[in-house]
Amino acid sequence: MKIETERLFICPCDEKKLRRMADISAENKEIYLDAIAMSTGRELWELFTFWTAELKTDHTIVTELRLKGLYPNGELEIGYLTYEKHRGQGYASEAVAGVCSYLESIGKVKCFSALTKVDNVASQSVLVKNGFKYEKDMFGYMYWKR
């Protein structure tokens, strides 16, 4: 499965790719291994894993997205980060748009949510550009919904 946007290829990470990512990043190893446990053998596994967005031009990964699973009400929480070298170029906005559009088209997701730190204006901008609305403060974060 591959989503294509103007500048990016966006793909969910299967177990093999997640294990490679865990081996590379000692800091985030447990997070990647947790994603393996959450997604392996599950129907709609792509809703419980990381996705990578890579440049079409040279296949450099610029953004990671994490889908945190589908809640019983049809809500899907999404998280994302753009690697520092590639920030400020709209990659996160493009990746979030591509993933949300694809998941809406398969009809399994009713709405999307995200949490941002109060001072993370760049992340909030990604959400606003993608039609998310601020709803409330939650656990010291801003809760957004689309």
C-alpha atoms as a PDB file:
ATOM      1  CA  MET A   1       0.000   0.000   0.000  1.00  0.00           C
ATOM      2  CA  LYS A   2       1.392   3.394  -0.976  1.00  0.00           C
ATOM      3  CA  ILE A   3      -0.223   6.819  -0.872  1.00  0.00           C
ATOM      4  CA  GLU A   4       1.125   9.320  -3.359  1.00  0.00           C
ATOM      5  CA  THR A   5       0.891  13.084  -2.900  1.00  0.00           C
ATOM      6  CA  GLU A   6       2.485  15.895  -4.869  1.00  0.00           C
ATOM      7  CA  ARG A   7       5.935  15.419  -3.296  1.00  0.00           C
ATOM      8  CA  LEU A   8       5.662  12.312  -1.111  1.00  0.00           C
ATOM      9  CA  PHE A   9       5.197   8.563  -1.018  1.00  0.00           C
ATOM     10  CA  ILE A  10       3.512   7.569   2.264  1.00  0.00           C
ATOM     11  CA  CYS A  11       3.501   3.941   3.419  1.00  0.00           C
ATOM     12  CA  PRO A  12       2.538   2.079   6.585  1.00  0.00           C
ATOM     13  CA  CYS A  13       5.386   0.316   8.359  1.00  0.00           C
ATOM     14  CA  ASP A  14       5.090  -3.451   8.520  1.00  0.00           C
ATOM     15  CA  GLU A  15       6.799  -5.522  11.199  1.00  0.00           C
ATOM     16  CA  LYS A  16      10.060  -5.819   9.243  1.00  0.00           C
ATOM     17  CA  LYS A  17      10.375  -2.055   8.779  1.00  0.00           C
ATOM     18  CA  LEU A  18       9.433  -1.355  12.402  1.00  0.00           C
ATOM     19  CA  ARG A  19      12.148  -3.739  13.605  1.00  0.00           C
ATOM     20  CA  ARG A  20      14.711  -1.902  11.433  1.00  0.00           C
ATOM     21  CA  MET A  21      13.549   1.414  12.878  1.00  0.00           C
ATOM     22  CA  ALA A  22      13.813   0.005  16.427  1.00  0.00           C
ATOM     23  CA  ASP A  23      17.370  -1.162  15.725  1.00  0.00           C
ATOM     24  CA  ILE A  24      18.379   2.278  14.446  1.00  0.00           C
ATOM     25  CA  SER A  25      16.791   4.343  17.231  1.00  0.00           C
ATOM     26  CA  ALA A  26      17.649   3.186  20.745  1.00  0.00           C
ATOM     27  CA  GLU A  27      15.776   6.222  22.084  1.00  0.00           C
ATOM     28  CA  ASN A  28      12.472   5.157  20.478  1.00  0.00           C
ATOM     29  CA  LYS A  29      13.006   1.390  20.398  1.00  0.00           C
ATOM     30  CA  GLU A  30      10.181   0.617  22.855  1.00  0.00           C
ATOM     31  CA  ILE A  31       7.715   2.770  20.907  1.00  0.00           C
ATOM     32  CA  TYR A  32       8.447   0.904  17.671  1.00  0.00           C
ATOM     33  CA  LEU A  33       8.258  -2.485  19.397  1.00  0.00           C
ATOM     34  CA  ASP A  34       4.930  -1.459  20.938  1.00  0.00           C
ATOM     35  CA  ALA A  35       3.643  -0.648  17.438  1.00  0.00           C
ATOM     36  CA  ILE A  36       4.629  -4.159  16.332  1.00  0.00           C
ATOM     37  CA  ALA A  37       2.674  -5.666  19.216  1.00  0.00           C
ATOM     38  CA  MET A  38      -0.355  -3.489  18.436  1.00  0.00           C
ATOM     39  CA  SER A  39      -0.442  -4.123  14.684  1.00  0.00           C
ATOM     40  CA  THR A  40       0.758  -7.693  14.065  1.00  0.00           C
ATOM     41  CA  GLY A  41      -1.986 -10.079  12.956  1.00  0.00           C
ATOM     42  CA  ARG A  42      -4.690  -7.455  13.283  1.00  0.00           C
ATOM     43  CA  GLU A  43      -7.302  -6.637  10.687  1.00  0.00           C
ATOM     44  CA  LEU A  44      -6.741  -3.070   9.510  1.00  0.00           C
ATOM     45  CA  TRP A  45      -3.226  -3.227  11.006  1.00  0.00           C
ATOM     46  CA  GLU A  46      -2.344  -0.015   9.194  1.00  0.00           C
ATOM     47  CA  LEU A  47      -4.492   1.877  11.720  1.00  0.00           C
ATOM     48  CA  PHE A  48      -2.204   0.745  14.557  1.00  0.00           C
ATOM     49  CA  THR A  49       1.276   1.475  13.231  1.00  0.00           C
ATOM     50  CA  PHE A  50       3.754   4.080  12.086  1.00  0.00           C
ATOM     51  CA  TRP A  51       3.745   5.422   8.540  1.00  0.00           C
ATOM     52  CA  THR A  52       6.694   7.035   6.801  1.00  0.00           C
ATOM     53  CA  ALA A  53       6.562   9.853   4.276  1.00  0.00           C
ATOM     54  CA  GLU A  54       9.490   9.923   1.884  1.00  0.00           C
ATOM     55  CA  LEU A  55      10.412  12.323  -0.864  1.00  0.00           C
ATOM     56  CA  LYS A  56       9.572  11.123  -4.351  1.00  0.00           C
ATOM     57  CA  THR A  57      12.810  12.608  -5.642  1.00  0.00           C
ATOM     58  CA  ASP A  58      15.331  10.633  -3.575  1.00  0.00           C
ATOM     59  CA  HIS A  59      13.279   8.491  -1.121  1.00  0.00           C
ATOM     60  CA  THR A  60      14.561  10.374   1.931  1.00  0.00           C
ATOM     61  CA  ILE A  61      12.186   9.874   4.872  1.00  0.00           C
ATOM     62  CA  VAL A  62      11.122  13.332   6.022  1.00  0.00           C
ATOM     63  CA  THR A  63       8.104  12.661   8.249  1.00  0.00           C
ATOM     64  CA  GLU A  64       6.822   9.871  10.494  1.00  0.00           C
ATOM     65  CA  LEU A  65       3.173   9.491  11.373  1.00  0.00           C
ATOM     66  CA  ARG A  66       1.769   7.250  14.079  1.00  0.00           C
ATOM     67  CA  LEU A  67      -1.782   6.009  13.963  1.00  0.00           C
ATOM     68  CA  LYS A  68      -2.768   5.018  17.459  1.00  0.00           C
ATOM     69  CA  GLY A  69      -5.673   2.710  16.714  1.00  0.00           C
ATOM     70  CA  LEU A  70      -9.340   3.018  15.949  1.00  0.00           C
ATOM     71  CA  TYR A  71     -11.552   3.759  18.952  1.00  0.00           C
ATOM     72  CA  PRO A  72     -14.988   2.086  19.128  1.00  0.00           C
ATOM     73  CA  ASN A  73     -16.658   5.374  18.099  1.00  0.00           C
ATOM     74  CA  GLY A  74     -14.685   5.409  14.807  1.00  0.00           C
ATOM     75  CA  GLU A  75     -12.174   8.012  15.974  1.00  0.00           C
ATOM     76  CA  LEU A  76      -8.526   7.603  14.995  1.00  0.00           C
ATOM     77  CA  GLU A  77      -5.789   9.470  16.853  1.00  0.00           C
ATOM     78  CA  ILE A  78      -2.887  10.597  14.690  1.00  0.00           C
ATOM     79  CA  GLY A  79       0.545  11.842  15.657  1.00  0.00           C
ATOM     80  CA  TYR A  80       3.398  13.042  13.461  1.00  0.00           C
ATOM     81  CA  LEU A  81       6.857  14.527  13.421  1.00  0.00           C
ATOM     82  CA  THR A  82       9.074  15.921  10.731  1.00  0.00           C
ATOM     83  CA  TYR A  83      12.803  15.379  10.992  1.00  0.00           C
ATOM     84  CA  GLU A  84      14.535  18.613  11.947  1.00  0.00           C
ATOM     85  CA  LYS A  85      16.395  19.046   8.659  1.00  0.00           C
ATOM     86  CA  HIS A  86      13.091  19.004   6.744  1.00  0.00           C
ATOM     87  CA  ARG A  87      10.908  21.194   8.971  1.00  0.00           C
ATOM     88  CA  GLY A  88       9.158  24.281   7.654  1.00  0.00           C
ATOM     89  CA  GLN A  89       8.605  22.876   4.167  1.00  0.00           C
ATOM     90  CA  GLY A  90       5.029  21.631   4.546  1.00  0.00           C
ATOM     91  CA  TYR A  91       5.841  17.914   4.581  1.00  0.00           C
ATOM     92  CA  ALA A  92       3.855  17.134   7.737  1.00  0.00           C
ATOM     93  CA  SER A  93       0.816  18.982   6.381  1.00  0.00           C
ATOM     94  CA  GLU A  94       1.049  17.095   3.095  1.00  0.00           C
ATOM     95  CA  ALA A  95       1.529  13.732   4.821  1.00  0.00           C
ATOM     96  CA  VAL A  96      -1.380  14.242   7.238  1.00  0.00           C
ATOM     97  CA  ALA A  97      -3.592  15.315   4.330  1.00  0.00           C
ATOM     98  CA  GLY A  98      -2.651  12.245   2.305  1.00  0.00           C
ATOM     99  CA  VAL A  99      -3.192   9.749   5.124  1.00  0.00           C
ATOM    100  CA  CYS A 100      -6.486  11.305   6.259  1.00  0.00           C
ATOM    101  CA  SER A 101      -7.809  11.414   2.696  1.00  0.00           C
ATOM    102  CA  TYR A 102      -6.899   7.774   2.094  1.00  0.00           C
ATOM    103  CA  LEU A 103      -8.388   6.543   5.365  1.00  0.00           C
ATOM    104  CA  GLU A 104     -11.601   8.480   4.764  1.00  0.00           C
ATOM    105  CA  SER A 105     -11.862   6.877   1.326  1.00  0.00           C
ATOM    106  CA  ILE A 106     -11.819   3.327   2.765  1.00  0.00           C
ATOM    107  CA  GLY A 107     -14.716   4.230   5.068  1.00  0.00           C
ATOM    108  CA  LYS A 108     -13.406   2.867   8.370  1.00  0.00           C
ATOM    109  CA  VAL A 109     -12.611   6.151  10.103  1.00  0.00           C
ATOM    110  CA  LYS A 110     -15.395   8.535  11.174  1.00  0.00           C
ATOM    111  CA  CYS A 111     -13.158  11.285  12.557  1.00  0.00           C
ATOM    112  CA  PHE A 112      -9.553  12.063  13.411  1.00  0.00           C
ATOM    113  CA  SER A 113      -8.061  13.465  16.593  1.00  0.00           C
ATOM    114  CA  ALA A 114      -4.646  14.710  17.667  1.00  0.00           C
ATOM    115  CA  LEU A 115      -2.918  16.151  20.717  1.00  0.00           C
ATOM    116  CA  THR A 116      -0.392  18.992  20.585  1.00  0.00           C
ATOM    117  CA  LYS A 117       1.671  20.763  23.179  1.00  0.00           C
ATOM    118  CA  VAL A 118       0.342  24.226  23.940  1.00  0.00           C
ATOM    119  CA  ASP A 119       3.556  25.847  22.696  1.00  0.00           C
ATOM    120  CA  ASN A 120       3.926  23.758  19.501  1.00  0.00           C
ATOM    121  CA  VAL A 121       2.576  26.289  17.031  1.00  0.00           C
ATOM    122  CA  ALA A 122       4.017  24.445  14.004  1.00  0.00           C
ATOM    123  CA  SER A 123       2.139  21.252  14.877  1.00  0.00           C
ATOM    124  CA  GLN A 124      -1.048  23.203  15.499  1.00  0.00           C
ATOM    125  CA  SER A 125      -0.644  24.810  12.070  1.00  0.00           C
ATOM    126  CA  VAL A 126      -0.462  21.341  10.462  1.00  0.00           C
ATOM    127  CA  LEU A 127      -3.794  20.479  12.051  1.00  0.00           C
ATOM    128  CA  VAL A 128      -5.498  23.754  11.130  1.00  0.00           C
ATOM    129  CA  LYS A 129      -4.353  23.350   7.489  1.00  0.00           C
ATOM    130  CA  ASN A 130      -5.968  19.906   7.525  1.00  0.00           C
ATOM    131  CA  GLY A 131      -9.342  21.004   8.869  1.00  0.00           C
ATOM    132  CA  PHE A 132      -8.845  20.074  12.524  1.00  0.00           C
ATOM    133  CA  LYS A 133     -10.537  22.240  15.151  1.00  0.00           C
ATOM    134  CA  TYR A 134      -9.313  22.833  18.674  1.00  0.00           C
ATOM    135  CA  GLU A 135     -11.791  21.279  21.107  1.00  0.00           C
ATOM    136  CA  LYS A 136     -10.345  21.412  24.644  1.00  0.00           C
ATOM    137  CA  ASP A 137      -7.347  20.998  26.897  1.00  0.00           C
ATOM    138  CA  MET A 138      -6.656  17.373  27.802  1.00  0.00           C
ATOM    139  CA  PHE A 139      -3.890  16.033  30.035  1.00  0.00           C
ATOM    140  CA  GLY A 140      -1.890  19.249  29.600  1.00  0.00           C
ATOM    141  CA  TYR A 141      -2.208  19.104  25.805  1.00  0.00           C
ATOM    142  CA  MET A 142      -4.518  20.693  23.273  1.00  0.00           C
ATOM    143  CA  TYR A 143      -7.048  18.197  21.862  1.00  0.00           C
ATOM    144  CA  TRP A 144      -7.968  18.631  18.192  1.00  0.00           C
ATOM    145  CA  LYS A 145     -10.617  16.904  16.110  1.00  0.00           C
ATOM    146  CA  ARG A 146     -11.602  16.690  12.447  1.00  0.00           C
END
